[in-house]
Amino acid sequence: MASTHCIPLLWMVHEPTPAYQAHTPATRTLKVRTGHYDYQRMPKPVPWIYLKGYWLEQAGFSIGATIQVQVSSGRIVVTVEDVDAPSKSMD
């Protein structure tokens, strides 16, 4: 039987390299995916957009920041409410 080894997750926790930061595009192409509300008995698909990455922090969206979301037809604008406010821990 083949042996299995536990691989520490520490290798996944890293800061972005300068090369990564230099090649981070200002425009991102994402996909609207199918999501569901967990509380619904017969879940109906709901549009879902997943935003995650070092590029968010590089753009001023630090962990704990309060954001404002403006929605209009075919457009969503996400803005940090107070750029100068210190980030709050999410613990």
PDB file of N, CA and C in Angstrom:
ATOM      1  N   MET A   1       0.842  -1.176   0.000  1.00  0.00           N
ATOM      2  CA  MET A   1       0.000   0.000   0.000  1.00  0.00           C
ATOM      3  C   MET A   1       0.891   1.244   0.000  1.00  0.00           C
ATOM      4  N   ALA A   2       0.531   2.208  -0.797  1.00  0.00           N
ATOM      5  CA  ALA A   2       1.325   3.429  -0.898  1.00  0.00           C
ATOM      6  C   ALA A   2       1.161   4.248   0.381  1.00  0.00           C
ATOM      7  N   SER A   3       2.248   4.849   0.810  1.00  0.00           N
ATOM      8  CA  SER A   3       2.174   5.679   2.010  1.00  0.00           C
ATOM      9  C   SER A   3       1.674   7.063   1.622  1.00  0.00           C
ATOM     10  N   THR A   4       0.994   7.689   2.559  1.00  0.00           N
ATOM     11  CA  THR A   4       0.520   9.049   2.330  1.00  0.00           C
ATOM     12  C   THR A   4       1.263   9.967   3.277  1.00  0.00           C
ATOM     13  N   HIS A   5       1.537  11.138   2.824  1.00  0.00           N
ATOM     14  CA  HIS A   5       2.261  12.122   3.630  1.00  0.00           C
ATOM     15  C   HIS A   5       1.419  13.370   3.754  1.00  0.00           C
ATOM     16  N   CYS A   6       1.439  13.951   4.931  1.00  0.00           N
ATOM     17  CA  CYS A   6       0.769  15.229   5.138  1.00  0.00           C
ATOM     18  C   CYS A   6       1.703  16.333   4.664  1.00  0.00           C
ATOM     19  N   ILE A   7       1.200  17.187   3.830  1.00  0.00           N
ATOM     20  CA  ILE A   7       2.000  18.302   3.322  1.00  0.00           C
ATOM     21  C   ILE A   7       1.589  19.551   4.091  1.00  0.00           C
ATOM     22  N   PRO A   8       2.520  20.208   4.769  1.00  0.00           N
ATOM     23  CA  PRO A   8       2.169  21.417   5.511  1.00  0.00           C
ATOM     24  C   PRO A   8       1.620  22.486   4.578  1.00  0.00           C
ATOM     25  N   LEU A   9       0.645  23.231   5.061  1.00  0.00           N
ATOM     26  CA  LEU A   9       0.037  24.279   4.249  1.00  0.00           C
ATOM     27  C   LEU A   9       0.842  25.564   4.255  1.00  0.00           C
ATOM     28  N   LEU A  10       1.930  25.603   5.007  1.00  0.00           N
ATOM     29  CA  LEU A  10       2.725  26.821   5.091  1.00  0.00           C
ATOM     30  C   LEU A  10       3.239  27.293   3.743  1.00  0.00           C
ATOM     31  N   TRP A  11       3.497  26.374   2.843  1.00  0.00           N
ATOM     32  CA  TRP A  11       4.005  26.774   1.527  1.00  0.00           C
ATOM     33  C   TRP A  11       2.987  27.600   0.759  1.00  0.00           C
ATOM     34  N   MET A  12       1.711  27.504   1.138  1.00  0.00           N
ATOM     35  CA  MET A  12       0.665  28.246   0.435  1.00  0.00           C
ATOM     36  C   MET A  12       0.526  29.673   0.963  1.00  0.00           C
ATOM     37  N   VAL A  13       1.044  29.934   2.150  1.00  0.00           N
ATOM     38  CA  VAL A  13       0.914  31.250   2.758  1.00  0.00           C
ATOM     39  C   VAL A  13       2.149  32.063   2.386  1.00  0.00           C
ATOM     40  N   HIS A  14       1.980  33.009   1.510  1.00  0.00           N
ATOM     41  CA  HIS A  14       3.108  33.807   1.074  1.00  0.00           C
ATOM     42  C   HIS A  14       2.646  35.188   0.649  1.00  0.00           C
ATOM     43  N   GLU A  15       3.558  36.075   0.608  1.00  0.00           N
ATOM     44  CA  GLU A  15       3.280  37.424   0.134  1.00  0.00           C
ATOM     45  C   GLU A  15       3.506  37.455  -1.374  1.00  0.00           C
ATOM     46  N   PRO A  16       2.800  38.323  -2.077  1.00  0.00           N
ATOM     47  CA  PRO A  16       3.030  38.411  -3.521  1.00  0.00           C
ATOM     48  C   PRO A  16       4.436  38.921  -3.804  1.00  0.00           C
ATOM     49  N   THR A  17       5.050  38.392  -4.820  1.00  0.00           N
ATOM     50  CA  THR A  17       6.393  38.818  -5.201  1.00  0.00           C
ATOM     51  C   THR A  17       6.310  40.105  -6.011  1.00  0.00           C
ATOM     52  N   PRO A  18       7.398  40.873  -6.058  1.00  0.00           N
ATOM     53  CA  PRO A  18       7.388  42.088  -6.887  1.00  0.00           C
ATOM     54  C   PRO A  18       7.045  41.790  -8.340  1.00  0.00           C
ATOM     55  N   ALA A  19       7.489  40.632  -8.858  1.00  0.00           N
ATOM     56  CA  ALA A  19       7.168  40.274 -10.249  1.00  0.00           C
ATOM     57  C   ALA A  19       5.668  40.086 -10.410  1.00  0.00           C
ATOM     58  N   TYR A  20       5.019  39.467  -9.408  1.00  0.00           N
ATOM     59  CA  TYR A  20       3.568  39.282  -9.451  1.00  0.00           C
ATOM     60  C   TYR A  20       2.882  40.636  -9.441  1.00  0.00           C
ATOM     61  N   GLN A  21       3.322  41.513  -8.547  1.00  0.00           N
ATOM     62  CA  GLN A  21       2.708  42.831  -8.434  1.00  0.00           C
ATOM     63  C   GLN A  21       2.864  43.625  -9.722  1.00  0.00           C
ATOM     64  N   ALA A  22       4.004  43.499 -10.378  1.00  0.00           N
ATOM     65  CA  ALA A  22       4.244  44.244 -11.615  1.00  0.00           C
ATOM     66  C   ALA A  22       3.351  43.769 -12.743  1.00  0.00           C
ATOM     67  N   HIS A  23       2.915  42.507 -12.701  1.00  0.00           N
ATOM     68  CA  HIS A  23       2.100  41.955 -13.779  1.00  0.00           C
ATOM     69  C   HIS A  23       0.616  41.849 -13.430  1.00  0.00           C
ATOM     70  N   THR A  24       0.197  42.454 -12.318  1.00  0.00           N
ATOM     71  CA  THR A  24      -1.207  42.412 -11.935  1.00  0.00           C
ATOM     72  C   THR A  24      -1.984  43.404 -12.796  1.00  0.00           C
ATOM     73  N   PRO A  25      -2.914  42.916 -13.621  1.00  0.00           N
ATOM     74  CA  PRO A  25      -3.656  43.827 -14.505  1.00  0.00           C
ATOM     75  C   PRO A  25      -4.671  44.679 -13.738  1.00  0.00           C
ATOM     76  N   ALA A  26      -4.946  45.876 -14.262  1.00  0.00           N
ATOM     77  CA  ALA A  26      -5.920  46.767 -13.652  1.00  0.00           C
ATOM     78  C   ALA A  26      -7.344  46.313 -13.948  1.00  0.00           C
ATOM     79  N   THR A  27      -7.541  45.556 -14.999  1.00  0.00           N
ATOM     80  CA  THR A  27      -8.857  45.039 -15.361  1.00  0.00           C
ATOM     81  C   THR A  27      -8.848  43.525 -15.203  1.00  0.00           C
ATOM     82  N   ARG A  28      -9.859  43.004 -14.558  1.00  0.00           N
ATOM     83  CA  ARG A  28      -9.990  41.563 -14.344  1.00  0.00           C
ATOM     84  C   ARG A  28     -11.221  41.066 -15.086  1.00  0.00           C
ATOM     85  N   THR A  29     -11.135  39.867 -15.632  1.00  0.00           N
ATOM     86  CA  THR A  29     -12.293  39.225 -16.239  1.00  0.00           C
ATOM     87  C   THR A  29     -12.683  38.065 -15.348  1.00  0.00           C
ATOM     88  N   LEU A  30     -13.864  38.147 -14.780  1.00  0.00           N
ATOM     89  CA  LEU A  30     -14.371  37.126 -13.869  1.00  0.00           C
ATOM     90  C   LEU A  30     -15.638  36.534 -14.460  1.00  0.00           C
ATOM     91  N   LYS A  31     -16.098  35.465 -13.879  1.00  0.00           N
ATOM     92  CA  LYS A  31     -17.302  34.799 -14.360  1.00  0.00           C
ATOM     93  C   LYS A  31     -18.381  34.874 -13.275  1.00  0.00           C
ATOM     94  N   VAL A  32     -19.613  35.174 -13.690  1.00  0.00           N
ATOM     95  CA  VAL A  32     -20.749  35.113 -12.765  1.00  0.00           C
ATOM     96  C   VAL A  32     -21.122  33.644 -12.654  1.00  0.00           C
ATOM     97  N   ARG A  33     -21.075  33.132 -11.438  1.00  0.00           N
ATOM     98  CA  ARG A  33     -21.307  31.710 -11.207  1.00  0.00           C
ATOM     99  C   ARG A  33     -22.670  31.469 -10.565  1.00  0.00           C
ATOM    100  N   THR A  34     -23.020  30.210 -10.449  1.00  0.00           N
ATOM    101  CA  THR A  34     -24.272  29.826  -9.807  1.00  0.00           C
ATOM    102  C   THR A  34     -24.025  29.607  -8.326  1.00  0.00           C
ATOM    103  N   GLY A  35     -24.817  30.247  -7.505  1.00  0.00           N
ATOM    104  CA  GLY A  35     -24.761  30.066  -6.062  1.00  0.00           C
ATOM    105  C   GLY A  35     -26.152  29.739  -5.553  1.00  0.00           C
ATOM    106  N   HIS A  36     -26.261  29.491  -4.252  1.00  0.00           N
ATOM    107  CA  HIS A  36     -27.549  29.195  -3.626  1.00  0.00           C
ATOM    108  C   HIS A  36     -27.577  29.797  -2.231  1.00  0.00           C
ATOM    109  N   TYR A  37     -28.754  30.168  -1.768  1.00  0.00           N
ATOM    110  CA  TYR A  37     -28.928  30.581  -0.382  1.00  0.00           C
ATOM    111  C   TYR A  37     -29.170  29.321   0.429  1.00  0.00           C
ATOM    112  N   ASP A  38     -28.379  29.096   1.455  1.00  0.00           N
ATOM    113  CA  ASP A  38     -28.467  27.867   2.249  1.00  0.00           C
ATOM    114  C   ASP A  38     -29.784  27.718   3.000  1.00  0.00           C
ATOM    115  N   TYR A  39     -30.446  28.818   3.301  1.00  0.00           N
ATOM    116  CA  TYR A  39     -31.652  28.753   4.111  1.00  0.00           C
ATOM    117  C   TYR A  39     -32.906  28.380   3.316  1.00  0.00           C
ATOM    118  N   GLN A  40     -32.825  28.346   2.003  1.00  0.00           N
ATOM    119  CA  GLN A  40     -34.004  28.023   1.199  1.00  0.00           C
ATOM    120  C   GLN A  40     -34.239  26.522   1.159  1.00  0.00           C
ATOM    121  N   ARG A  41     -35.492  26.140   1.321  1.00  0.00           N
ATOM    122  CA  ARG A  41     -35.842  24.720   1.300  1.00  0.00           C
ATOM    123  C   ARG A  41     -35.620  24.118  -0.083  1.00  0.00           C
ATOM    124  N   MET A  42     -36.077  24.794  -1.104  1.00  0.00           N
ATOM    125  CA  MET A  42     -35.858  24.391  -2.499  1.00  0.00           C
ATOM    126  C   MET A  42     -35.006  25.485  -3.139  1.00  0.00           C
ATOM    127  N   PRO A  43     -33.685  25.376  -2.992  1.00  0.00           N
ATOM    128  CA  PRO A  43     -32.820  26.467  -3.442  1.00  0.00           C
ATOM    129  C   PRO A  43     -32.970  26.789  -4.926  1.00  0.00           C
ATOM    130  N   LYS A  44     -33.119  28.056  -5.182  1.00  0.00           N
ATOM    131  CA  LYS A  44     -33.183  28.566  -6.541  1.00  0.00           C
ATOM    132  C   LYS A  44     -31.808  29.164  -6.860  1.00  0.00           C
ATOM    133  N   PRO A  45     -31.240  28.876  -8.013  1.00  0.00           N
ATOM    134  CA  PRO A  45     -29.919  29.427  -8.342  1.00  0.00           C
ATOM    135  C   PRO A  45     -29.915  30.951  -8.262  1.00  0.00           C
ATOM    136  N   VAL A  46     -28.826  31.479  -7.738  1.00  0.00           N
ATOM    137  CA  VAL A  46     -28.665  32.924  -7.600  1.00  0.00           C
ATOM    138  C   VAL A  46     -27.282  33.290  -8.155  1.00  0.00           C
ATOM    139  N   PRO A  47     -27.166  34.402  -8.892  1.00  0.00           N
ATOM    140  CA  PRO A  47     -25.865  34.803  -9.425  1.00  0.00           C
ATOM    141  C   PRO A  47     -24.879  35.073  -8.282  1.00  0.00           C
ATOM    142  N   TRP A  48     -23.612  34.719  -8.511  1.00  0.00           N
ATOM    143  CA  TRP A  48     -22.592  34.809  -7.472  1.00  0.00           C
ATOM    144  C   TRP A  48     -21.273  35.214  -8.108  1.00  0.00           C
ATOM    145  N   ILE A  49     -20.608  36.226  -7.536  1.00  0.00           N
ATOM    146  CA  ILE A  49     -19.307  36.687  -8.019  1.00  0.00           C
ATOM    147  C   ILE A  49     -18.305  36.528  -6.883  1.00  0.00           C
ATOM    148  N   TYR A  50     -17.186  35.881  -7.164  1.00  0.00           N
ATOM    149  CA  TYR A  50     -16.168  35.575  -6.164  1.00  0.00           C
ATOM    150  C   TYR A  50     -14.963  36.485  -6.381  1.00  0.00           C
ATOM    151  N   LEU A  51     -14.682  37.351  -5.411  1.00  0.00           N
ATOM    152  CA  LEU A  51     -13.527  38.245  -5.492  1.00  0.00           C
ATOM    153  C   LEU A  51     -12.538  37.870  -4.397  1.00  0.00           C
ATOM    154  N   LYS A  52     -11.310  37.551  -4.786  1.00  0.00           N
ATOM    155  CA  LYS A  52     -10.296  37.159  -3.821  1.00  0.00           C
ATOM    156  C   LYS A  52      -8.932  37.334  -4.467  1.00  0.00           C
ATOM    157  N   GLY A  53      -7.976  37.834  -3.725  1.00  0.00           N
ATOM    158  CA  GLY A  53      -6.622  37.914  -4.256  1.00  0.00           C
ATOM    159  C   GLY A  53      -5.827  39.065  -3.685  1.00  0.00           C
ATOM    160  N   TYR A  54      -4.504  38.954  -3.801  1.00  0.00           N
ATOM    161  CA  TYR A  54      -3.614  40.015  -3.337  1.00  0.00           C
ATOM    162  C   TYR A  54      -3.901  41.331  -4.053  1.00  0.00           C
ATOM    163  N   TRP A  55      -4.403  41.239  -5.268  1.00  0.00           N
ATOM    164  CA  TRP A  55      -4.683  42.431  -6.046  1.00  0.00           C
ATOM    165  C   TRP A  55      -5.719  43.325  -5.366  1.00  0.00           C
ATOM    166  N   LEU A  56      -6.613  42.739  -4.549  1.00  0.00           N
ATOM    167  CA  LEU A  56      -7.586  43.562  -3.822  1.00  0.00           C
ATOM    168  C   LEU A  56      -6.875  44.482  -2.834  1.00  0.00           C
ATOM    169  N   GLU A  57      -5.926  43.925  -2.081  1.00  0.00           N
ATOM    170  CA  GLU A  57      -5.177  44.742  -1.126  1.00  0.00           C
ATOM    171  C   GLU A  57      -4.332  45.789  -1.851  1.00  0.00           C
ATOM    172  N   GLN A  58      -3.761  45.406  -2.980  1.00  0.00           N
ATOM    173  CA  GLN A  58      -2.958  46.356  -3.761  1.00  0.00           C
ATOM    174  C   GLN A  58      -3.815  47.521  -4.253  1.00  0.00           C
ATOM    175  N   ALA A  59      -5.110  47.274  -4.418  1.00  0.00           N
ATOM    176  CA  ALA A  59      -6.030  48.314  -4.881  1.00  0.00           C
ATOM    177  C   ALA A  59      -6.656  49.094  -3.723  1.00  0.00           C
ATOM    178  N   GLY A  60      -6.241  48.786  -2.474  1.00  0.00           N
ATOM    179  CA  GLY A  60      -6.745  49.528  -1.318  1.00  0.00           C
ATOM    180  C   GLY A  60      -7.840  48.832  -0.537  1.00  0.00           C
ATOM    181  N   PHE A  61      -8.165  47.591  -0.895  1.00  0.00           N
ATOM    182  CA  PHE A  61      -9.208  46.832  -0.207  1.00  0.00           C
ATOM    183  C   PHE A  61      -8.563  45.897   0.814  1.00  0.00           C
ATOM    184  N   SER A  62      -8.155  46.462   1.946  1.00  0.00           N
ATOM    185  CA  SER A  62      -7.482  45.655   2.959  1.00  0.00           C
ATOM    186  C   SER A  62      -8.525  44.875   3.767  1.00  0.00           C
ATOM    187  N   ILE A  63      -8.072  43.830   4.433  1.00  0.00           N
ATOM    188  CA  ILE A  63      -8.958  42.992   5.251  1.00  0.00           C
ATOM    189  C   ILE A  63      -9.592  43.863   6.328  1.00  0.00           C
ATOM    190  N   GLY A  64     -10.895  43.785   6.456  1.00  0.00           N
ATOM    191  CA  GLY A  64     -11.631  44.550   7.456  1.00  0.00           C
ATOM    192  C   GLY A  64     -12.143  45.894   6.962  1.00  0.00           C
ATOM    193  N   ALA A  65     -11.755  46.312   5.765  1.00  0.00           N
ATOM    194  CA  ALA A  65     -12.213  47.599   5.230  1.00  0.00           C
ATOM    195  C   ALA A  65     -13.718  47.556   4.974  1.00  0.00           C
ATOM    196  N   THR A  66     -14.361  48.681   5.169  1.00  0.00           N
ATOM    197  CA  THR A  66     -15.778  48.811   4.841  1.00  0.00           C
ATOM    198  C   THR A  66     -15.887  49.281   3.397  1.00  0.00           C
ATOM    199  N   ILE A  67     -16.740  48.612   2.632  1.00  0.00           N
ATOM    200  CA  ILE A  67     -16.886  48.964   1.225  1.00  0.00           C
ATOM    201  C   ILE A  67     -18.312  49.413   0.926  1.00  0.00           C
ATOM    202  N   GLN A  68     -18.443  50.153  -0.130  1.00  0.00           N
ATOM    203  CA  GLN A  68     -19.748  50.578  -0.633  1.00  0.00           C
ATOM    204  C   GLN A  68     -19.917  49.943  -2.009  1.00  0.00           C
ATOM    205  N   VAL A  69     -21.091  49.385  -2.278  1.00  0.00           N
ATOM    206  CA  VAL A  69     -21.372  48.743  -3.555  1.00  0.00           C
ATOM    207  C   VAL A  69     -22.503  49.509  -4.231  1.00  0.00           C
ATOM    208  N   GLN A  70     -22.218  50.061  -5.410  1.00  0.00           N
ATOM    209  CA  GLN A  70     -23.223  50.773  -6.197  1.00  0.00           C
ATOM    210  C   GLN A  70     -23.592  49.893  -7.385  1.00  0.00           C
ATOM    211  N   VAL A  71     -24.885  49.675  -7.571  1.00  0.00           N
ATOM    212  CA  VAL A  71     -25.364  48.785  -8.623  1.00  0.00           C
ATOM    213  C   VAL A  71     -26.241  49.558  -9.596  1.00  0.00           C
ATOM    214  N   SER A  72     -25.956  49.387 -10.888  1.00  0.00           N
ATOM    215  CA  SER A  72     -26.810  49.928 -11.943  1.00  0.00           C
ATOM    216  C   SER A  72     -26.848  48.880 -13.046  1.00  0.00           C
ATOM    217  N   SER A  73     -27.630  49.106 -14.047  1.00  0.00           N
ATOM    218  CA  SER A  73     -27.803  48.122 -15.113  1.00  0.00           C
ATOM    219  C   SER A  73     -26.465  47.790 -15.783  1.00  0.00           C
ATOM    220  N   GLY A  74     -26.031  46.539 -15.648  1.00  0.00           N
ATOM    221  CA  GLY A  74     -24.809  46.080 -16.275  1.00  0.00           C
ATOM    222  C   GLY A  74     -23.521  46.587 -15.640  1.00  0.00           C
ATOM    223  N   ARG A  75     -23.605  47.164 -14.441  1.00  0.00           N
ATOM    224  CA  ARG A  75     -22.408  47.745 -13.818  1.00  0.00           C
ATOM    225  C   ARG A  75     -22.481  47.644 -12.296  1.00  0.00           C
ATOM    226  N   ILE A  76     -21.367  47.234 -11.688  1.00  0.00           N
ATOM    227  CA  ILE A  76     -21.224  47.210 -10.238  1.00  0.00           C
ATOM    228  C   ILE A  76     -19.935  47.951  -9.914  1.00  0.00           C
ATOM    229  N   VAL A  77     -20.014  48.942  -9.017  1.00  0.00           N
ATOM    230  CA  VAL A  77     -18.843  49.705  -8.611  1.00  0.00           C
ATOM    231  C   VAL A  77     -18.629  49.464  -7.123  1.00  0.00           C
ATOM    232  N   VAL A  78     -17.433  48.973  -6.769  1.00  0.00           N
ATOM    233  CA  VAL A  78     -17.093  48.688  -5.382  1.00  0.00           C
ATOM    234  C   VAL A  78     -16.037  49.705  -4.954  1.00  0.00           C
ATOM    235  N   THR A  79     -16.308  50.434  -3.861  1.00  0.00           N
ATOM    236  CA  THR A  79     -15.431  51.500  -3.396  1.00  0.00           C
ATOM    237  C   THR A  79     -15.156  51.325  -1.909  1.00  0.00           C
ATOM    238  N   VAL A  80     -13.908  51.542  -1.499  1.00  0.00           N
ATOM    239  CA  VAL A  80     -13.575  51.541  -0.078  1.00  0.00           C
ATOM    240  C   VAL A  80     -14.139  52.823   0.513  1.00  0.00           C
ATOM    241  N   GLU A  81     -14.896  52.714   1.625  1.00  0.00           N
ATOM    242  CA  GLU A  81     -15.520  53.902   2.209  1.00  0.00           C
ATOM    243  C   GLU A  81     -14.515  54.846   2.845  1.00  0.00           C
ATOM    244  N   ASP A  82     -13.565  54.331   3.622  1.00  0.00           N
ATOM    245  CA  ASP A  82     -12.586  55.186   4.291  1.00  0.00           C
ATOM    246  C   ASP A  82     -11.199  54.588   4.116  1.00  0.00           C
ATOM    247  N   VAL A  83     -10.478  55.085   3.132  1.00  0.00           N
ATOM    248  CA  VAL A  83      -9.172  54.530   2.800  1.00  0.00           C
ATOM    249  C   VAL A  83      -8.180  54.727   3.941  1.00  0.00           C
ATOM    250  N   ASP A  84      -8.311  55.813   4.711  1.00  0.00           N
ATOM    251  CA  ASP A  84      -7.351  56.122   5.773  1.00  0.00           C
ATOM    252  C   ASP A  84      -7.629  55.386   7.081  1.00  0.00           C
ATOM    253  N   ALA A  85      -8.792  54.725   7.199  1.00  0.00           N
ATOM    254  CA  ALA A  85      -9.119  54.016   8.436  1.00  0.00           C
ATOM    255  C   ALA A  85      -8.228  52.794   8.586  1.00  0.00           C
ATOM    256  N   PRO A  86      -7.760  52.523   9.816  1.00  0.00           N
ATOM    257  CA  PRO A  86      -6.948  51.319  10.012  1.00  0.00           C
ATOM    258  C   PRO A  86      -7.786  50.073   9.794  1.00  0.00           C
ATOM    259  N   SER A  87      -7.161  49.023   9.253  1.00  0.00           N
ATOM    260  CA  SER A  87      -7.896  47.785   9.034  1.00  0.00           C
ATOM    261  C   SER A  87      -8.202  47.126  10.362  1.00  0.00           C
ATOM    262  N   LYS A  88      -9.365  46.491  10.439  1.00  0.00           N
ATOM    263  CA  LYS A  88      -9.803  45.810  11.652  1.00  0.00           C
ATOM    264  C   LYS A  88      -9.596  44.320  11.505  1.00  0.00           C
ATOM    265  N   SER A  89      -9.248  43.682  12.572  1.00  0.00           N
ATOM    266  CA  SER A  89      -9.052  42.231  12.557  1.00  0.00           C
ATOM    267  C   SER A  89     -10.406  41.553  12.431  1.00  0.00           C
ATOM    268  N   MET A  90     -10.450  40.469  11.661  1.00  0.00           N
ATOM    269  CA  MET A  90     -11.692  39.737  11.460  1.00  0.00           C
ATOM    270  C   MET A  90     -11.801  38.552  12.420  1.00  0.00           C
ATOM    271  N   ASP A  91     -10.974  38.530  13.490  1.00  0.00           N
ATOM    272  CA  ASP A  91     -11.005  37.415  14.444  1.00  0.00           C
ATOM    273  C   ASP A  91     -12.282  37.387  15.235  1.00  0.00           C
TER     274      ASP A  91
END
